[in-house]
C-alpha atoms as a PDB file:
ATOM      1  CA  MET A   1      15.170 -15.815   8.243  1.00  0.00           C
ATOM      2  CA  ALA A   2      11.674 -16.510   6.780  1.00  0.00           C
ATOM      3  CA  THR A   3       8.935 -14.005   6.614  1.00  0.00           C
ATOM      4  CA  ASP A   4       5.426 -14.357   8.064  1.00  0.00           C
ATOM      5  CA  LEU A   5       6.276 -16.534  11.122  1.00  0.00           C
ATOM      6  CA  MET A   6       4.016 -17.520  13.975  1.00  0.00           C
ATOM      7  CA  PRO A   7       4.796 -19.874  16.869  1.00  0.00           C
ATOM      8  CA  VAL A   8       1.391 -21.599  16.834  1.00  0.00           C
ATOM      9  CA  VAL A   9       0.971 -22.222  13.119  1.00  0.00           C
ATOM     10  CA  TRP A  10       3.180 -21.297  10.209  1.00  0.00           C
ATOM     11  CA  ARG A  11       1.658 -20.359   6.919  1.00  0.00           C
ATOM     12  CA  ARG A  12       2.411 -17.417   4.682  1.00  0.00           C
ATOM     13  CA  GLN A  13      -1.073 -15.964   4.832  1.00  0.00           C
ATOM     14  CA  MET A  14      -4.076 -17.146   6.822  1.00  0.00           C
ATOM     15  CA  TYR A  15      -7.585 -16.533   5.383  1.00  0.00           C
ATOM     16  CA  ASP A  16     -10.908 -17.472   6.963  1.00  0.00           C
ATOM     17  CA  VAL A  17      -9.158 -19.309   9.860  1.00  0.00           C
ATOM     18  CA  ASN A  18     -10.326 -18.992  13.471  1.00  0.00           C
ATOM     19  CA  ILE A  19      -7.776 -19.145  16.276  1.00  0.00           C
ATOM     20  CA  ILE A  20      -9.491 -20.294  19.477  1.00  0.00           C
ATOM     21  CA  ASN A  21      -8.056 -20.995  22.868  1.00  0.00           C
ATOM     22  CA  CYS A  22      -4.453 -20.745  21.789  1.00  0.00           C
ATOM     23  CA  PHE A  23      -1.286 -19.279  23.319  1.00  0.00           C
ATOM     24  CA  SER A  24       2.358 -18.736  22.405  1.00  0.00           C
ATOM     25  CA  THR A  25       5.584 -18.135  24.324  1.00  0.00           C
ATOM     26  CA  GLY A  26       9.135 -17.494  23.254  1.00  0.00           C
ATOM     27  CA  SER A  27      10.137 -15.101  20.464  1.00  0.00           C
ATOM     28  CA  VAL A  28       9.185 -14.401  16.851  1.00  0.00           C
ATOM     29  CA  THR A  29      11.491 -12.663  14.398  1.00  0.00           C
ATOM     30  CA  SER A  30      10.734 -11.977  10.790  1.00  0.00           C
ATOM     31  CA  ASP A  31      12.661 -10.157   8.100  1.00  0.00           C
ATOM     32  CA  GLY A  32      12.392  -9.688   4.324  1.00  0.00           C
ATOM     33  CA  GLY A  33      11.029  -7.306   1.718  1.00  0.00           C
ATOM     34  CA  THR A  34       7.634  -7.071   3.328  1.00  0.00           C
ATOM     35  CA  SER A  35       7.675  -8.645   6.794  1.00  0.00           C
ATOM     36  CA  HIS A  36       4.750  -9.784   8.962  1.00  0.00           C
ATOM     37  CA  ALA A  37       5.283 -11.099  12.555  1.00  0.00           C
ATOM     38  CA  GLY A  38       2.833 -11.823  15.259  1.00  0.00           C
ATOM     39  CA  GLY A  39       2.588 -13.758  18.463  1.00  0.00           C
ATOM     40  CA  LEU A  40      -0.173 -15.971  16.947  1.00  0.00           C
ATOM     41  CA  SER A  41      -0.367 -15.011  13.312  1.00  0.00           C
ATOM     42  CA  GLY A  42       1.846 -13.014  10.984  1.00  0.00           C
ATOM     43  CA  TYR A  43      -0.854 -12.203   8.423  1.00  0.00           C
ATOM     44  CA  HIS A  44      -4.518 -12.978   9.282  1.00  0.00           C
ATOM     45  CA  SER A  45      -7.673 -12.083   7.457  1.00  0.00           C
ATOM     46  CA  GLY A  46     -11.248 -13.322   7.537  1.00  0.00           C
ATOM     47  CA  GLY A  47     -11.244 -15.182  10.787  1.00  0.00           C
ATOM     48  CA  ASP A  48     -11.566 -14.449  14.473  1.00  0.00           C
ATOM     49  CA  ILE A  49      -9.059 -14.736  17.301  1.00  0.00           C
ATOM     50  CA  THR A  50     -10.793 -15.720  20.509  1.00  0.00           C
ATOM     51  CA  ASP A  51      -9.790 -16.621  24.084  1.00  0.00           C
ATOM     52  CA  SER A  52      -6.081 -16.555  23.182  1.00  0.00           C
ATOM     53  CA  TYR A  53      -2.938 -14.888  24.378  1.00  0.00           C
ATOM     54  CA  SER A  54       0.758 -14.428  23.612  1.00  0.00           C
ATOM     55  CA  THR A  55       3.842 -13.687  25.806  1.00  0.00           C
ATOM     56  CA  SER A  56       6.161 -14.045  22.816  1.00  0.00           C
ATOM     57  CA  SER A  57       8.493 -11.125  22.074  1.00  0.00           C
ATOM     58  CA  VAL A  58       7.897 -10.067  18.424  1.00  0.00           C
ATOM     59  CA  PHE A  59      10.274  -8.295  16.065  1.00  0.00           C
ATOM     60  CA  SER A  60       9.664  -7.552  12.405  1.00  0.00           C
ATOM     61  CA  SER A  61      12.225  -5.998  10.048  1.00  0.00           C
ATOM     62  CA  GLY A  62      11.279  -5.363   6.367  1.00  0.00           C
ATOM     63  CA  GLY A  63      13.068  -3.771   3.435  1.00  0.00           C
ATOM     64  CA  ALA A  64      10.075  -1.566   2.576  1.00  0.00           C
ATOM     65  CA  TYR A  65       7.260  -2.490   4.911  1.00  0.00           C
ATOM     66  CA  SER A  66       7.175  -4.187   8.352  1.00  0.00           C
ATOM     67  CA  TYR A  67       4.163  -5.245  10.473  1.00  0.00           C
ATOM     68  CA  ALA A  68       4.528  -6.533  14.051  1.00  0.00           C
ATOM     69  CA  GLY A  69       1.784  -7.250  16.554  1.00  0.00           C
ATOM     70  CA  GLY A  70       1.458  -8.993  19.888  1.00  0.00           C
ATOM     71  CA  LEU A  71      -1.264 -11.292  18.391  1.00  0.00           C
ATOM     72  CA  ALA A  72      -1.141 -10.532  14.631  1.00  0.00           C
ATOM     73  CA  GLY A  73       1.240  -8.480  12.554  1.00  0.00           C
ATOM     74  CA  HIS A  74      -1.276  -7.684   9.853  1.00  0.00           C
ATOM     75  CA  TYR A  75      -5.020  -8.224  10.552  1.00  0.00           C
ATOM     76  CA  GLY A  76      -7.872  -7.861   8.058  1.00  0.00           C
ATOM     77  CA  THR A  77     -11.564  -8.648   8.640  1.00  0.00           C
ATOM     78  CA  GLY A  78     -12.686 -10.559  11.720  1.00  0.00           C
ATOM     79  CA  THR A  79     -12.787  -9.853  15.380  1.00  0.00           C
ATOM     80  CA  ILE A  80     -10.529 -10.287  18.371  1.00  0.00           C
ATOM     81  CA  LYS A  81     -12.388 -11.331  21.528  1.00  0.00           C
ATOM     82  CA  ASN A  82     -11.119 -11.980  25.030  1.00  0.00           C
ATOM     83  CA  CYS A  83      -7.458 -11.890  24.085  1.00  0.00           C
ATOM     84  CA  ARG A  84      -4.355 -10.415  25.652  1.00  0.00           C
ATOM     85  CA  SER A  85      -0.731  -9.814  24.887  1.00  0.00           C
ATOM     86  CA  THR A  86       1.979  -9.273  27.350  1.00  0.00           C
ATOM     87  CA  ASN A  87       5.038  -9.039  25.209  1.00  0.00           C
ATOM     88  CA  SER A  88       7.493  -6.587  23.681  1.00  0.00           C
ATOM     89  CA  VAL A  89       6.691  -5.705  20.046  1.00  0.00           C
ATOM     90  CA  ASN A  90       9.130  -3.899  17.698  1.00  0.00           C
ATOM     91  CA  SER A  91       9.078  -3.025  14.017  1.00  0.00           C
ATOM     92  CA  SER A  92      11.590  -1.523  11.684  1.00  0.00           C
ATOM     93  CA  ALA A  93      11.524  -0.795   7.919  1.00  0.00           C
ATOM     94  CA  ALA A  94      12.918   1.637   5.396  1.00  0.00           C
ATOM     95  CA  PHE A  95       9.591   2.934   4.197  1.00  0.00           C
ATOM     96  CA  SER A  96       6.666   2.152   6.580  1.00  0.00           C
ATOM     97  CA  SER A  97       6.826   0.385   9.964  1.00  0.00           C
ATOM     98  CA  TYR A  98       3.763  -0.704  11.990  1.00  0.00           C
ATOM     99  CA  ALA A  99       3.758  -2.113  15.583  1.00  0.00           C
ATOM    100  CA  GLY A 100       1.023  -2.614  18.082  1.00  0.00           C
ATOM    101  CA  GLY A 101       0.331  -4.422  21.325  1.00  0.00           C
ATOM    102  CA  LEU A 102      -2.370  -6.580  19.829  1.00  0.00           C
ATOM    103  CA  VAL A 103      -2.266  -5.827  16.103  1.00  0.00           C
ATOM    104  CA  GLY A 104       0.467  -4.061  14.100  1.00  0.00           C
ATOM    105  CA  PHE A 105      -1.789  -2.946  11.227  1.00  0.00           C
ATOM    106  CA  ARG A 106      -5.578  -3.316  10.838  1.00  0.00           C
ATOM    107  CA  ALA A 107      -6.691  -3.437   7.199  1.00  0.00           C
ATOM    108  CA  LEU A 108     -10.417  -2.684   6.853  1.00  0.00           C
ATOM    109  CA  LEU A 109     -11.269  -4.516   3.612  1.00  0.00           C
END
């Protein structure tokens, strides 16, 4: 399995990217040393998520750290506006595990 997966777009890390009027269905599974999984974005920083939703089930399993979120597994700066998530979200790791209905972990940079 690859790390940092997202059904809409795949890229290891997304910086300064806006996600607007998007949705995802299905399932997302990510595993690895540090794992990020989200319904729309695994790792997202510096952009907004607007008018979007996810019904994808999300599971993240990391060796040390794991981040799972209904919309984004790891979310830095930016805003989330008019979004929803109606999915199951699970995270498992040996050291630290984060899971949330919209965002697994919010990093305030």
